[in-house]
Amino acid sequence: VKVGAVSLNHRDKMVIDSGRGLTLDFPFTPGSDLAGRIVAMGDDAERFAVGDRVISCFTPEWIDGARAGTARTPAYRTLGGYFAGVLAEYVVLPEDWLVTAPSALDDAQASTLPCAALTAWFALVERGGVRAGDTVLIRGTGGVALFGLQFAKLHGAKVLVSCSSEKIDRVLALGADHAMDRRQADWLEALYALTDDRGADHILETVGGTFLGQSVRAAAVGGRIYQIGALDGFDISSPVMPLMMKDVTIHGIGTGHRRAFEDMVRAVERTNMTPVIDSRFMIAELPDALDRFDTGPFGKIVIDNTTFSHREHA
């Protein structure tokens, strides 16, 4: 596959900075989310043809059903981690590790789908069954968060976003019904007021740590929390009583399988949904692209190998 673009995830920065607890074989290629074009195929390959545009599967061996692994050893066999990554000009991958790219999206846009978009879809749609009339709380404005906003609105849900004050206008323009300044101590009271004390049926928890406790307090009776991020550390905490008394379900979400990915790609194509790109960089600017994570991106950060020739921030 000739790589057209690679979108970055905060996980990529963590792997590069510290290894993120993984055993890496060097030389190591980071990155997991590519969009590109097939330029050559093995003799037995039959799912695609030369010239087809494709995107990579983040957890490539997970085709459908239950995830691999055991209680003792959960599986974490991903691109750019267990397997070599895709931040390159060309990569060689098994055909089962790819899906067809949406024709309406360019490579930079399509490259945002394998991890962030699938994570949001797998949480809200595959696991949560979000539907019209539900209330969804999105915490943050990173890649997963904004895809969650877009997918929730596609399904007719009411969307509340907790974010920094300077990003409120942008999330409202993207379709959020309400936005709350996460730095204000009374944001939870604002959520209660906006939902007539019902709370949120679905919560995308993209921070983790002690923030989980806030999400438990924000959850409706019978609500679902999707634990995705670990920006506040790898240990999470919550008060027990509201968790028990409200019958809250906490789902751990580690992206999703290929079947759900293909479902999601069809939905993106049929609804003409456009991913939100925060910024585009050339591959030589990778350090700058990784530093962008520290400044609070609004959407996805992309390494663009195509005709892009200058840095651009949304």
Protein backbone atom coordinates (compact mmCIF):
# COMPACT_ATOMS: atom_id res chain seq x y z
CA VAL A 1 0.00 0.00 0.00
CA LYS A 2 1.28 3.44 -0.91
CA VAL A 3 0.49 5.51 2.17
CA GLY A 4 -1.40 8.71 1.44
CA ALA A 5 -1.96 9.86 5.02
CA VAL A 6 -1.59 8.68 8.61
CA SER A 7 -3.68 10.17 11.39
CA LEU A 8 -2.10 10.24 14.82
CA ASN A 9 -3.60 9.21 18.14
CA HIS A 10 -2.51 10.27 21.60
CA ARG A 11 -1.48 6.65 22.04
CA ASP A 12 1.17 7.13 19.33
CA LYS A 13 2.74 9.93 21.33
CA MET A 14 2.70 7.77 24.46
CA VAL A 15 4.31 4.84 22.62
CA ILE A 16 7.04 7.07 21.19
CA ASP A 17 7.65 8.86 24.49
CA SER A 18 7.63 5.89 26.87
CA GLY A 19 6.70 2.66 25.08
CA ARG A 20 3.35 2.71 26.92
CA GLY A 21 4.22 -0.58 28.60
CA LEU A 22 4.63 -2.41 25.28
CA THR A 23 7.54 -4.62 24.27
CA LEU A 24 8.75 -2.97 21.07
CA ASP A 25 11.09 -4.52 18.52
CA PHE A 26 13.53 -1.97 17.10
CA PRO A 27 13.72 -0.49 14.57
CA PHE A 28 10.07 0.31 15.25
CA THR A 29 7.57 2.09 13.01
CA PRO A 30 4.83 3.96 14.92
CA GLY A 31 1.34 4.84 13.76
CA SER A 32 -1.75 2.71 13.19
CA ASP A 33 -4.23 4.65 11.05
CA LEU A 34 -3.47 4.87 7.34
CA ALA A 35 -5.31 5.66 4.17
CA GLY A 36 -3.66 4.82 0.89
CA ARG A 37 -3.82 2.99 -2.40
CA ILE A 38 -2.92 -0.61 -3.24
CA VAL A 39 -0.01 -0.68 -5.67
CA ALA A 40 0.86 -4.40 -5.61
CA MET A 41 -0.71 -7.65 -4.40
CA GLY A 42 0.32 -11.16 -3.50
CA ASP A 43 -0.74 -14.02 -5.76
CA ASP A 44 -3.42 -15.27 -3.35
CA ALA A 45 -4.91 -11.88 -2.47
CA GLU A 46 -8.52 -11.51 -3.63
CA ARG A 47 -10.36 -9.00 -1.43
CA PHE A 48 -9.04 -5.98 -3.32
CA ALA A 49 -7.53 -4.96 -6.65
CA VAL A 50 -4.52 -2.84 -7.53
CA GLY A 51 -5.62 0.77 -7.44
CA ASP A 52 -8.19 0.34 -4.66
CA ARG A 53 -8.15 2.91 -1.87
CA VAL A 54 -8.01 1.32 1.57
CA ILE A 55 -7.76 2.12 5.27
CA SER A 56 -6.10 0.03 7.97
CA CYS A 57 -7.69 -1.88 10.84
CA PHE A 58 -6.34 -0.76 14.21
CA THR A 59 -6.73 -4.20 15.84
CA PRO A 60 -6.15 -6.13 12.63
CA GLU A 61 -6.78 -9.71 13.76
CA TRP A 62 -10.13 -8.88 15.38
CA ILE A 63 -12.60 -9.60 12.59
CA ASP A 64 -15.86 -10.01 14.56
CA GLY A 65 -17.27 -11.41 17.78
CA ALA A 66 -15.42 -11.50 21.09
CA ARG A 67 -11.98 -10.01 21.39
CA ALA A 68 -9.01 -12.37 21.72
CA GLY A 69 -7.18 -12.81 25.01
CA THR A 70 -7.72 -14.27 28.47
CA ALA A 71 -8.56 -12.97 31.93
CA ARG A 72 -4.86 -13.14 32.81
CA THR A 73 -3.57 -11.72 29.55
CA PRO A 74 -5.89 -9.39 27.61
CA ALA A 75 -4.87 -9.09 23.97
CA TYR A 76 -3.37 -5.82 22.76
CA ARG A 77 -2.27 -6.80 19.27
CA THR A 78 -2.53 -3.52 17.38
CA LEU A 79 -0.73 -1.75 14.58
CA GLY A 80 1.88 0.66 15.86
CA GLY A 81 2.22 -1.37 19.06
CA TYR A 82 2.40 -5.15 18.96
CA PHE A 83 2.70 -5.00 15.16
CA ALA A 84 4.87 -2.56 13.25
CA GLY A 85 3.07 0.64 12.37
CA VAL A 86 2.21 2.48 9.18
CA LEU A 87 4.00 5.83 9.40
CA ALA A 88 5.91 5.21 6.19
CA GLU A 89 5.75 5.77 2.44
CA TYR A 90 4.83 2.14 1.67
CA VAL A 91 3.66 -0.73 3.89
CA VAL A 92 2.99 -4.42 3.29
CA LEU A 93 -0.07 -5.77 5.10
CA PRO A 94 -2.28 -8.87 4.95
CA GLU A 95 -5.43 -8.10 2.99
CA ASP A 96 -7.63 -8.96 5.99
CA TRP A 97 -6.09 -6.00 7.81
CA LEU A 98 -7.66 -3.49 5.42
CA VAL A 99 -11.11 -2.20 4.50
CA THR A 100 -12.28 -0.10 1.57
CA ALA A 101 -11.94 3.65 2.12
CA PRO A 102 -15.00 5.89 1.73
CA SER A 103 -14.90 7.30 -1.79
CA ALA A 104 -16.07 10.77 -0.74
CA LEU A 105 -13.21 11.33 1.72
CA ASP A 106 -9.66 12.26 0.78
CA ASP A 107 -6.77 10.31 2.29
CA ALA A 108 -6.31 12.67 5.22
CA GLN A 109 -9.99 12.46 6.14
CA ALA A 110 -10.18 8.69 5.63
CA SER A 111 -7.09 8.11 7.77
CA THR A 112 -8.94 9.46 10.81
CA LEU A 113 -11.38 6.54 10.87
CA PRO A 114 -9.48 3.38 12.06
CA CYS A 115 -9.01 4.26 15.73
CA ALA A 116 -10.85 7.40 16.88
CA ALA A 117 -13.96 7.01 14.76
CA LEU A 118 -14.27 3.26 15.34
CA THR A 119 -13.79 3.70 19.08
CA ALA A 120 -16.67 6.18 19.26
CA TRP A 121 -18.86 4.04 16.98
CA PHE A 122 -18.11 0.81 18.85
CA ALA A 123 -19.02 2.44 22.15
CA LEU A 124 -22.19 4.29 21.21
CA VAL A 125 -23.57 2.14 18.40
CA GLU A 126 -22.17 -1.38 18.71
CA ARG A 127 -22.13 -1.63 22.51
CA GLY A 128 -24.57 1.08 23.53
CA GLY A 129 -27.25 0.93 20.84
CA VAL A 130 -27.71 4.70 20.98
CA ARG A 131 -31.03 5.81 19.55
CA ALA A 132 -33.19 8.85 18.96
CA GLY A 133 -34.16 10.60 22.17
CA ASP A 134 -31.17 9.40 24.20
CA THR A 135 -28.94 11.95 25.91
CA VAL A 136 -25.21 11.60 25.25
CA LEU A 137 -22.48 13.37 27.23
CA ILE A 138 -19.20 13.88 25.38
CA ARG A 139 -16.19 14.78 27.49
CA GLY A 140 -13.59 16.73 25.52
CA THR A 141 -12.95 17.75 21.92
CA GLY A 142 -10.33 15.30 20.71
CA GLY A 143 -10.77 12.83 17.89
CA VAL A 144 -12.90 10.24 19.70
CA ALA A 145 -15.01 12.94 21.33
CA LEU A 146 -15.92 14.73 18.11
CA PHE A 147 -16.66 11.49 16.28
CA GLY A 148 -18.89 10.57 19.21
CA LEU A 149 -20.72 13.87 18.82
CA GLN A 150 -21.24 13.28 15.11
CA PHE A 151 -22.36 9.64 15.45
CA ALA A 152 -24.74 10.47 18.29
CA LYS A 153 -26.38 13.19 16.20
CA LEU A 154 -26.64 10.81 13.23
CA HIS A 155 -28.74 8.56 15.47
CA GLY A 156 -30.99 11.36 16.67
CA ALA A 157 -29.59 11.72 20.18
CA LYS A 158 -29.37 14.88 22.25
CA VAL A 159 -25.70 15.72 22.72
CA LEU A 160 -24.11 17.63 25.59
CA VAL A 161 -20.39 18.42 25.48
CA SER A 162 -18.12 19.25 28.41
CA CYS A 163 -15.14 21.20 27.08
CA SER A 164 -13.01 24.30 27.54
CA SER A 165 -14.80 27.62 27.11
CA GLU A 166 -12.88 28.59 23.99
CA LYS A 167 -14.21 25.54 22.14
CA ILE A 168 -17.89 25.86 23.03
CA ASP A 169 -18.84 27.75 19.86
CA ARG A 170 -17.11 25.14 17.70
CA VAL A 171 -18.87 22.14 19.22
CA LEU A 172 -22.21 23.92 18.91
CA ALA A 173 -21.46 24.61 15.25
CA LEU A 174 -20.69 20.91 14.80
CA GLY A 175 -24.15 20.00 16.07
CA ALA A 176 -23.99 19.73 19.86
CA ASP A 177 -27.25 20.70 21.54
CA HIS A 178 -25.52 22.21 24.55
CA ALA A 179 -21.94 22.75 25.73
CA MET A 180 -20.66 23.29 29.26
CA ASP A 181 -17.39 24.81 30.43
CA ARG A 182 -15.60 21.87 32.03
CA ARG A 183 -13.51 24.25 34.14
CA GLN A 184 -16.57 25.55 35.96
CA ALA A 185 -17.28 23.78 39.23
CA ASP A 186 -21.01 23.81 38.53
CA TRP A 187 -20.92 22.09 35.13
CA LEU A 188 -22.55 19.00 36.63
CA GLU A 189 -25.40 21.13 37.96
CA ALA A 190 -25.75 22.59 34.48
CA LEU A 191 -26.09 19.05 33.09
CA TYR A 192 -28.76 18.20 35.65
CA ALA A 193 -30.66 21.35 34.70
CA LEU A 194 -30.43 20.63 30.98
CA THR A 195 -31.76 17.09 31.47
CA ASP A 196 -34.41 17.83 34.14
CA ASP A 197 -32.27 15.85 36.60
CA ARG A 198 -32.37 12.74 34.40
CA GLY A 199 -28.66 12.78 33.55
CA ALA A 200 -26.94 11.26 30.53
CA ASP A 201 -27.88 7.87 29.08
CA HIS A 202 -24.47 7.49 27.41
CA ILE A 203 -21.15 9.05 28.45
CA LEU A 204 -17.92 8.95 26.46
CA GLU A 205 -15.28 9.10 29.19
CA THR A 206 -12.11 10.09 27.36
CA VAL A 207 -10.03 11.24 30.34
CA GLY A 208 -10.21 8.49 32.96
CA GLY A 209 -8.61 8.67 36.39
CA THR A 210 -10.74 10.53 38.93
CA PHE A 211 -12.85 11.94 36.10
CA LEU A 212 -14.72 8.63 36.04
CA GLY A 213 -16.34 9.64 39.32
CA GLN A 214 -17.72 12.77 37.68
CA SER A 215 -19.16 10.67 34.88
CA VAL A 216 -20.84 8.34 37.37
CA ARG A 217 -22.50 11.35 38.97
CA ALA A 218 -23.59 12.60 35.54
CA ALA A 219 -25.05 9.26 34.45
CA ALA A 220 -28.77 8.61 34.29
CA VAL A 221 -30.34 5.69 36.13
CA GLY A 222 -29.41 2.73 33.95
CA GLY A 223 -26.85 4.85 32.12
CA ARG A 224 -23.77 3.58 30.31
CA ILE A 225 -20.25 4.94 30.63
CA TYR A 226 -17.69 4.06 27.97
CA GLN A 227 -14.20 4.19 29.48
CA ILE A 228 -11.87 5.07 26.63
CA GLY A 229 -9.12 7.47 27.63
CA ALA A 230 -6.35 7.36 30.21
CA LEU A 231 -5.13 10.95 30.07
CA ASP A 232 -5.56 11.26 33.85
CA GLY A 233 -3.67 8.04 34.53
CA PHE A 234 -4.18 4.30 34.21
CA ASP A 235 -6.07 3.89 37.50
CA ILE A 236 -9.70 4.98 37.66
CA SER A 237 -11.82 5.80 40.69
CA SER A 238 -15.45 6.52 41.45
CA PRO A 239 -17.81 6.84 44.40
CA VAL A 240 -19.55 3.52 44.92
CA MET A 241 -23.03 4.53 46.04
CA PRO A 242 -24.19 6.39 42.90
CA LEU A 243 -22.64 3.64 40.78
CA MET A 244 -24.73 1.05 42.61
CA MET A 245 -27.92 3.01 43.23
CA LYS A 246 -28.16 4.20 39.62
CA ASP A 247 -27.42 0.78 38.11
CA VAL A 248 -24.68 2.28 35.95
CA THR A 249 -22.82 0.08 33.46
CA ILE A 250 -19.17 0.83 32.70
CA HIS A 251 -17.85 -0.49 29.38
CA GLY A 252 -14.13 -0.66 28.68
CA ILE A 253 -13.66 0.19 25.00
CA GLY A 254 -10.47 -0.64 23.10
CA THR A 255 -11.48 0.28 19.52
CA GLY A 256 -13.51 -2.45 17.79
CA HIS A 257 -13.60 -5.27 15.25
CA ARG A 258 -13.51 -5.16 11.46
CA ARG A 259 -17.18 -5.93 10.99
CA ALA A 260 -18.17 -2.89 13.05
CA PHE A 261 -15.54 -0.87 11.19
CA GLU A 262 -17.13 -1.78 7.86
CA ASP A 263 -20.58 -0.91 9.23
CA MET A 264 -19.25 2.46 10.34
CA VAL A 265 -17.58 3.20 7.00
CA ARG A 266 -20.88 2.55 5.22
CA ALA A 267 -22.63 4.94 7.60
CA VAL A 268 -20.00 7.62 7.01
CA GLU A 269 -20.36 7.22 3.26
CA ARG A 270 -24.16 7.20 3.16
CA THR A 271 -24.53 10.24 5.41
CA ASN A 272 -21.71 12.28 3.85
CA MET A 273 -20.19 12.77 7.28
CA THR A 274 -16.93 14.74 7.27
CA PRO A 275 -14.28 14.03 9.92
CA VAL A 276 -12.91 17.01 11.82
CA ILE A 277 -9.21 17.57 11.16
CA ASP A 278 -7.39 19.83 13.59
CA SER A 279 -4.13 20.07 11.68
CA ARG A 280 -2.06 18.54 8.90
CA PHE A 281 1.70 18.09 8.91
CA MET A 282 4.33 16.69 6.60
CA ILE A 283 6.12 13.57 7.79
CA ALA A 284 9.29 15.58 8.43
CA GLU A 285 7.27 17.60 10.94
CA LEU A 286 6.34 14.59 13.07
CA PRO A 287 7.80 16.08 16.29
CA ASP A 288 5.65 19.19 15.83
CA ALA A 289 2.62 17.03 15.11
CA LEU A 290 3.14 15.08 18.33
CA ASP A 291 3.60 18.29 20.30
CA ARG A 292 0.21 19.44 19.04
CA PHE A 293 -1.41 16.90 21.40
CA ASP A 294 -0.16 18.99 24.33
CA THR A 295 -2.05 22.09 23.17
CA GLY A 296 -5.58 20.67 23.09
CA PRO A 297 -6.40 19.78 19.47
CA PHE A 298 -9.93 20.11 18.15
CA GLY A 299 -10.27 16.92 16.13
CA LYS A 300 -7.61 14.81 14.47
CA ILE A 301 -3.93 15.44 13.74
CA VAL A 302 -2.81 14.05 10.38
CA ILE A 303 0.49 13.34 8.64
CA ASP A 304 -0.33 13.98 4.98
CA ASN A 305 1.89 12.35 2.35
CA THR A 306 -0.11 13.58 -0.66
CA THR A 307 -0.01 17.03 -2.24
CA PHE A 308 0.06 18.82 1.08
CA SER A 309 3.07 21.09 1.26
CA HIS A 310 2.58 23.38 4.26
CA ARG A 311 1.36 23.21 7.80
CA GLU A 312 -2.29 24.01 8.30
CA HIS A 313 -4.35 24.31 11.45
CA ALA A 314 -8.12 24.21 11.37
